[in-house]
Amino acid sequence: MISSSIFLGAIGPLQIALIVIVVLLLFGGKKIPELMRGLGSGIKEFKDASKDEDKKEDKQ
């Protein structure tokens, strides 16, 4: 039986650099800021929605 913690330790700086290079090749340098902006706004909307849910639960 293989523990999942073995795989978590296998990601190092070389693997991260390789992933960044592949993303740059796939999307290009100009498209990445748009993707990050969209990701950031999605995370913000998710946080706002979860705060709204917490407020609704507190009122009940």
PDB file of N, CA and C in Angstrom:
ATOM      1  N   MET A   1       0.846  -1.182   0.000  1.00  0.00           N
ATOM      2  CA  MET A   1       0.000   0.000   0.000  1.00  0.00           C
ATOM      3  C   MET A   1       0.888   1.241   0.000  1.00  0.00           C
ATOM      4  N   ILE A   2       0.671   2.133  -0.989  1.00  0.00           N
ATOM      5  CA  ILE A   2       1.497   3.329  -1.140  1.00  0.00           C
ATOM      6  C   ILE A   2       0.784   4.515  -0.509  1.00  0.00           C
ATOM      7  N   SER A   3       1.507   5.238   0.320  1.00  0.00           N
ATOM      8  CA  SER A   3       0.942   6.405   0.988  1.00  0.00           C
ATOM      9  C   SER A   3       0.910   7.592   0.031  1.00  0.00           C
ATOM     10  N   SER A   4      -0.098   8.433   0.170  1.00  0.00           N
ATOM     11  CA  SER A   4      -0.203   9.611  -0.696  1.00  0.00           C
ATOM     12  C   SER A   4       0.846  10.657  -0.343  1.00  0.00           C
ATOM     13  N   SER A   5       1.426  10.599   0.846  1.00  0.00           N
ATOM     14  CA  SER A   5       2.443  11.576   1.216  1.00  0.00           C
ATOM     15  C   SER A   5       3.716  11.401   0.400  1.00  0.00           C
ATOM     16  N   ILE A   6       3.936  10.238  -0.158  1.00  0.00           N
ATOM     17  CA  ILE A   6       5.102  10.013  -1.018  1.00  0.00           C
ATOM     18  C   ILE A   6       4.987  10.878  -2.264  1.00  0.00           C
ATOM     19  N   PHE A   7       3.797  10.951  -2.833  1.00  0.00           N
ATOM     20  CA  PHE A   7       3.605  11.716  -4.057  1.00  0.00           C
ATOM     21  C   PHE A   7       3.650  13.216  -3.795  1.00  0.00           C
ATOM     22  N   LEU A   8       3.233  13.659  -2.633  1.00  0.00           N
ATOM     23  CA  LEU A   8       3.263  15.082  -2.323  1.00  0.00           C
ATOM     24  C   LEU A   8       4.698  15.599  -2.242  1.00  0.00           C
ATOM     25  N   GLY A   9       5.612  14.784  -1.784  1.00  0.00           N
ATOM     26  CA  GLY A   9       7.003  15.193  -1.687  1.00  0.00           C
ATOM     27  C   GLY A   9       7.738  15.120  -3.004  1.00  0.00           C
ATOM     28  N   ALA A  10       7.129  14.546  -4.030  1.00  0.00           N
ATOM     29  CA  ALA A  10       7.798  14.350  -5.306  1.00  0.00           C
ATOM     30  C   ALA A  10       7.772  15.599  -6.183  1.00  0.00           C
ATOM     31  N   ILE A  11       6.983  16.609  -5.835  1.00  0.00           N
ATOM     32  CA  ILE A  11       6.916  17.821  -6.638  1.00  0.00           C
ATOM     33  C   ILE A  11       7.964  18.796  -6.128  1.00  0.00           C
ATOM     34  N   GLY A  12       8.928  19.076  -6.981  1.00  0.00           N
ATOM     35  CA  GLY A  12      10.011  19.969  -6.597  1.00  0.00           C
ATOM     36  C   GLY A  12      10.118  21.147  -7.549  1.00  0.00           C
ATOM     37  N   PRO A  13      11.160  21.930  -7.416  1.00  0.00           N
ATOM     38  CA  PRO A  13      11.343  23.115  -8.261  1.00  0.00           C
ATOM     39  C   PRO A  13      11.467  22.776  -9.752  1.00  0.00           C
ATOM     40  N   LEU A  14      12.079  21.655 -10.057  1.00  0.00           N
ATOM     41  CA  LEU A  14      12.229  21.266 -11.461  1.00  0.00           C
ATOM     42  C   LEU A  14      10.871  20.965 -12.086  1.00  0.00           C
ATOM     43  N   GLN A  15      10.012  20.277 -11.364  1.00  0.00           N
ATOM     44  CA  GLN A  15       8.684  19.954 -11.889  1.00  0.00           C
ATOM     45  C   GLN A  15       7.837  21.216 -12.044  1.00  0.00           C
ATOM     46  N   ILE A  16       7.955  22.132 -11.093  1.00  0.00           N
ATOM     47  CA  ILE A  16       7.196  23.387 -11.186  1.00  0.00           C
ATOM     48  C   ILE A  16       7.664  24.195 -12.385  1.00  0.00           C
ATOM     49  N   ALA A  17       8.966  24.268 -12.597  1.00  0.00           N
ATOM     50  CA  ALA A  17       9.509  24.985 -13.756  1.00  0.00           C
ATOM     51  C   ALA A  17       9.029  24.354 -15.057  1.00  0.00           C
ATOM     52  N   LEU A  18       8.978  23.051 -15.109  1.00  0.00           N
ATOM     53  CA  LEU A  18       8.512  22.354 -16.301  1.00  0.00           C
ATOM     54  C   LEU A  18       7.042  22.672 -16.572  1.00  0.00           C
ATOM     55  N   ILE A  19       6.234  22.706 -15.536  1.00  0.00           N
ATOM     56  CA  ILE A  19       4.812  23.044 -15.685  1.00  0.00           C
ATOM     57  C   ILE A  19       4.656  24.476 -16.190  1.00  0.00           C
ATOM     58  N   VAL A  20       5.447  25.408 -15.666  1.00  0.00           N
ATOM     59  CA  VAL A  20       5.379  26.803 -16.100  1.00  0.00           C
ATOM     60  C   VAL A  20       5.754  26.920 -17.575  1.00  0.00           C
ATOM     61  N   ILE A  21       6.776  26.204 -18.003  1.00  0.00           N
ATOM     62  CA  ILE A  21       7.203  26.234 -19.409  1.00  0.00           C
ATOM     63  C   ILE A  21       6.111  25.686 -20.318  1.00  0.00           C
ATOM     64  N   VAL A  22       5.492  24.597 -19.907  1.00  0.00           N
ATOM     65  CA  VAL A  22       4.421  24.007 -20.721  1.00  0.00           C
ATOM     66  C   VAL A  22       3.246  24.973 -20.830  1.00  0.00           C
ATOM     67  N   VAL A  23       2.885  25.622 -19.724  1.00  0.00           N
ATOM     68  CA  VAL A  23       1.780  26.589 -19.751  1.00  0.00           C
ATOM     69  C   VAL A  23       2.122  27.753 -20.672  1.00  0.00           C
ATOM     70  N   LEU A  24       3.351  28.247 -20.609  1.00  0.00           N
ATOM     71  CA  LEU A  24       3.765  29.336 -21.492  1.00  0.00           C
ATOM     72  C   LEU A  24       3.690  28.922 -22.957  1.00  0.00           C
ATOM     73  N   LEU A  25       4.093  27.701 -23.254  1.00  0.00           N
ATOM     74  CA  LEU A  25       4.033  27.225 -24.627  1.00  0.00           C
ATOM     75  C   LEU A  25       2.589  27.061 -25.104  1.00  0.00           C
ATOM     76  N   LEU A  26       1.723  26.593 -24.232  1.00  0.00           N
ATOM     77  CA  LEU A  26       0.334  26.367 -24.628  1.00  0.00           C
ATOM     78  C   LEU A  26      -0.443  27.665 -24.811  1.00  0.00           C
ATOM     79  N   PHE A  27      -0.289  28.607 -23.888  1.00  0.00           N
ATOM     80  CA  PHE A  27      -1.125  29.797 -23.889  1.00  0.00           C
ATOM     81  C   PHE A  27      -0.415  31.048 -24.395  1.00  0.00           C
ATOM     82  N   GLY A  28       0.888  31.079 -24.370  1.00  0.00           N
ATOM     83  CA  GLY A  28       1.614  32.268 -24.789  1.00  0.00           C
ATOM     84  C   GLY A  28       1.690  33.286 -23.663  1.00  0.00           C
ATOM     85  N   GLY A  29       2.639  34.176 -23.743  1.00  0.00           N
ATOM     86  CA  GLY A  29       2.875  35.154 -22.691  1.00  0.00           C
ATOM     87  C   GLY A  29       1.773  36.175 -22.543  1.00  0.00           C
ATOM     88  N   LYS A  30       1.087  36.518 -23.644  1.00  0.00           N
ATOM     89  CA  LYS A  30       0.054  37.553 -23.581  1.00  0.00           C
ATOM     90  C   LYS A  30      -1.248  37.041 -22.994  1.00  0.00           C
ATOM     91  N   LYS A  31      -1.502  35.769 -23.097  1.00  0.00           N
ATOM     92  CA  LYS A  31      -2.771  35.211 -22.637  1.00  0.00           C
ATOM     93  C   LYS A  31      -2.756  34.916 -21.134  1.00  0.00           C
ATOM     94  N   ILE A  32      -1.602  34.700 -20.549  1.00  0.00           N
ATOM     95  CA  ILE A  32      -1.496  34.308 -19.140  1.00  0.00           C
ATOM     96  C   ILE A  32      -2.031  35.381 -18.188  1.00  0.00           C
ATOM     97  N   PRO A  33      -1.735  36.685 -18.383  1.00  0.00           N
ATOM     98  CA  PRO A  33      -2.331  37.679 -17.473  1.00  0.00           C
ATOM     99  C   PRO A  33      -3.858  37.660 -17.489  1.00  0.00           C
ATOM    100  N   GLU A  34      -4.445  37.422 -18.664  1.00  0.00           N
ATOM    101  CA  GLU A  34      -5.903  37.318 -18.740  1.00  0.00           C
ATOM    102  C   GLU A  34      -6.402  36.120 -17.941  1.00  0.00           C
ATOM    103  N   LEU A  35      -5.716  35.005 -18.049  1.00  0.00           N
ATOM    104  CA  LEU A  35      -6.105  33.810 -17.312  1.00  0.00           C
ATOM    105  C   LEU A  35      -5.996  34.040 -15.810  1.00  0.00           C
ATOM    106  N   MET A  36      -4.920  34.677 -15.363  1.00  0.00           N
ATOM    107  CA  MET A  36      -4.736  34.934 -13.931  1.00  0.00           C
ATOM    108  C   MET A  36      -5.780  35.923 -13.418  1.00  0.00           C
ATOM    109  N   ARG A  37      -6.115  36.926 -14.231  1.00  0.00           N
ATOM    110  CA  ARG A  37      -7.142  37.899 -13.846  1.00  0.00           C
ATOM    111  C   ARG A  37      -8.491  37.195 -13.682  1.00  0.00           C
ATOM    112  N   GLY A  38      -8.804  36.311 -14.626  1.00  0.00           N
ATOM    113  CA  GLY A  38     -10.047  35.548 -14.533  1.00  0.00           C
ATOM    114  C   GLY A  38     -10.063  34.629 -13.328  1.00  0.00           C
ATOM    115  N   LEU A  39      -8.930  34.007 -13.047  1.00  0.00           N
ATOM    116  CA  LEU A  39      -8.832  33.135 -11.880  1.00  0.00           C
ATOM    117  C   LEU A  39      -8.999  33.941 -10.594  1.00  0.00           C
ATOM    118  N   GLY A  40      -8.372  35.098 -10.535  1.00  0.00           N
ATOM    119  CA  GLY A  40      -8.488  35.953  -9.348  1.00  0.00           C
ATOM    120  C   GLY A  40      -9.910  36.429  -9.122  1.00  0.00           C
ATOM    121  N   SER A  41     -10.586  36.836 -10.207  1.00  0.00           N
ATOM    122  CA  SER A  41     -11.969  37.298 -10.035  1.00  0.00           C
ATOM    123  C   SER A  41     -12.881  36.138  -9.655  1.00  0.00           C
ATOM    124  N   GLY A  42     -12.601  34.958 -10.157  1.00  0.00           N
ATOM    125  CA  GLY A  42     -13.398  33.786  -9.773  1.00  0.00           C
ATOM    126  C   GLY A  42     -13.229  33.447  -8.300  1.00  0.00           C
ATOM    127  N   ILE A  43     -12.008  33.532  -7.808  1.00  0.00           N
ATOM    128  CA  ILE A  43     -11.747  33.262  -6.386  1.00  0.00           C
ATOM    129  C   ILE A  43     -12.436  34.313  -5.520  1.00  0.00           C
ATOM    130  N   LYS A  44     -12.373  35.579  -5.962  1.00  0.00           N
ATOM    131  CA  LYS A  44     -13.018  36.653  -5.202  1.00  0.00           C
ATOM    132  C   LYS A  44     -14.532  36.438  -5.138  1.00  0.00           C
ATOM    133  N   GLU A  45     -15.136  36.079  -6.267  1.00  0.00           N
ATOM    134  CA  GLU A  45     -16.576  35.830  -6.284  1.00  0.00           C
ATOM    135  C   GLU A  45     -16.934  34.650  -5.374  1.00  0.00           C
ATOM    136  N   PHE A  46     -16.099  33.622  -5.368  1.00  0.00           N
ATOM    137  CA  PHE A  46     -16.341  32.469  -4.518  1.00  0.00           C
ATOM    138  C   PHE A  46     -16.291  32.863  -3.044  1.00  0.00           C
ATOM    139  N   LYS A  47     -15.299  33.664  -2.667  1.00  0.00           N
ATOM    140  CA  LYS A  47     -15.188  34.119  -1.279  1.00  0.00           C
ATOM    141  C   LYS A  47     -16.381  34.983  -0.884  1.00  0.00           C
ATOM    142  N   ASP A  48     -16.789  35.876  -1.796  1.00  0.00           N
ATOM    143  CA  ASP A  48     -17.948  36.728  -1.501  1.00  0.00           C
ATOM    144  C   ASP A  48     -19.205  35.892  -1.319  1.00  0.00           C
ATOM    145  N   ALA A  49     -19.377  34.895  -2.168  1.00  0.00           N
ATOM    146  CA  ALA A  49     -20.559  34.038  -2.064  1.00  0.00           C
ATOM    147  C   ALA A  49     -20.543  33.238  -0.763  1.00  0.00           C
ATOM    148  N   SER A  50     -19.369  32.763  -0.364  1.00  0.00           N
ATOM    149  CA  SER A  50     -19.302  31.996   0.881  1.00  0.00           C
ATOM    150  C   SER A  50     -19.544  32.899   2.093  1.00  0.00           C
ATOM    151  N   LYS A  51     -19.119  34.163   2.027  1.00  0.00           N
ATOM    152  CA  LYS A  51     -19.406  35.106   3.120  1.00  0.00           C
ATOM    153  C   LYS A  51     -20.900  35.377   3.205  1.00  0.00           C
ATOM    154  N   ASP A  52     -21.556  35.519   2.040  1.00  0.00           N
ATOM    155  CA  ASP A  52     -23.003  35.736   2.021  1.00  0.00           C
ATOM    156  C   ASP A  52     -23.738  34.557   2.639  1.00  0.00           C
ATOM    157  N   GLU A  53     -23.271  33.351   2.342  1.00  0.00           N
ATOM    158  CA  GLU A  53     -23.894  32.148   2.907  1.00  0.00           C
ATOM    159  C   GLU A  53     -23.721  32.117   4.427  1.00  0.00           C
ATOM    160  N   ASP A  54     -22.551  32.515   4.899  1.00  0.00           N
ATOM    161  CA  ASP A  54     -22.306  32.547   6.346  1.00  0.00           C
ATOM    162  C   ASP A  54     -23.238  33.554   7.026  1.00  0.00           C
ATOM    163  N   LYS A  55     -23.454  34.710   6.386  1.00  0.00           N
ATOM    164  CA  LYS A  55     -24.334  35.717   6.970  1.00  0.00           C
ATOM    165  C   LYS A  55     -25.779  35.209   7.016  1.00  0.00           C
ATOM    166  N   LYS A  56     -26.192  34.502   5.961  1.00  0.00           N
ATOM    167  CA  LYS A  56     -27.549  33.956   5.931  1.00  0.00           C
ATOM    168  C   LYS A  56     -27.742  32.925   7.030  1.00  0.00           C
ATOM    169  N   GLU A  57     -26.733  32.090   7.255  1.00  0.00           N
ATOM    170  CA  GLU A  57     -26.812  31.057   8.298  1.00  0.00           C
ATOM    171  C   GLU A  57     -26.847  31.688   9.685  1.00  0.00           C
ATOM    172  N   ASP A  58     -26.116  32.778   9.880  1.00  0.00           N
ATOM    173  CA  ASP A  58     -26.087  33.453  11.177  1.00  0.00           C
ATOM    174  C   ASP A  58     -27.445  34.064  11.520  1.00  0.00           C
ATOM    175  N   LYS A  59     -28.160  34.543  10.510  1.00  0.00           N
ATOM    176  CA  LYS A  59     -29.452  35.175  10.743  1.00  0.00           C
ATOM    177  C   LYS A  59     -30.527  34.165  11.120  1.00  0.00           C
ATOM    178  N   GLN A  60     -30.374  32.939  10.682  1.00  0.00           N
ATOM    179  CA  GLN A  60     -31.411  31.923  10.938  1.00  0.00           C
ATOM    180  C   GLN A  60     -31.317  31.366  12.296  1.00  0.00           C
TER     181      GLN A  60
END
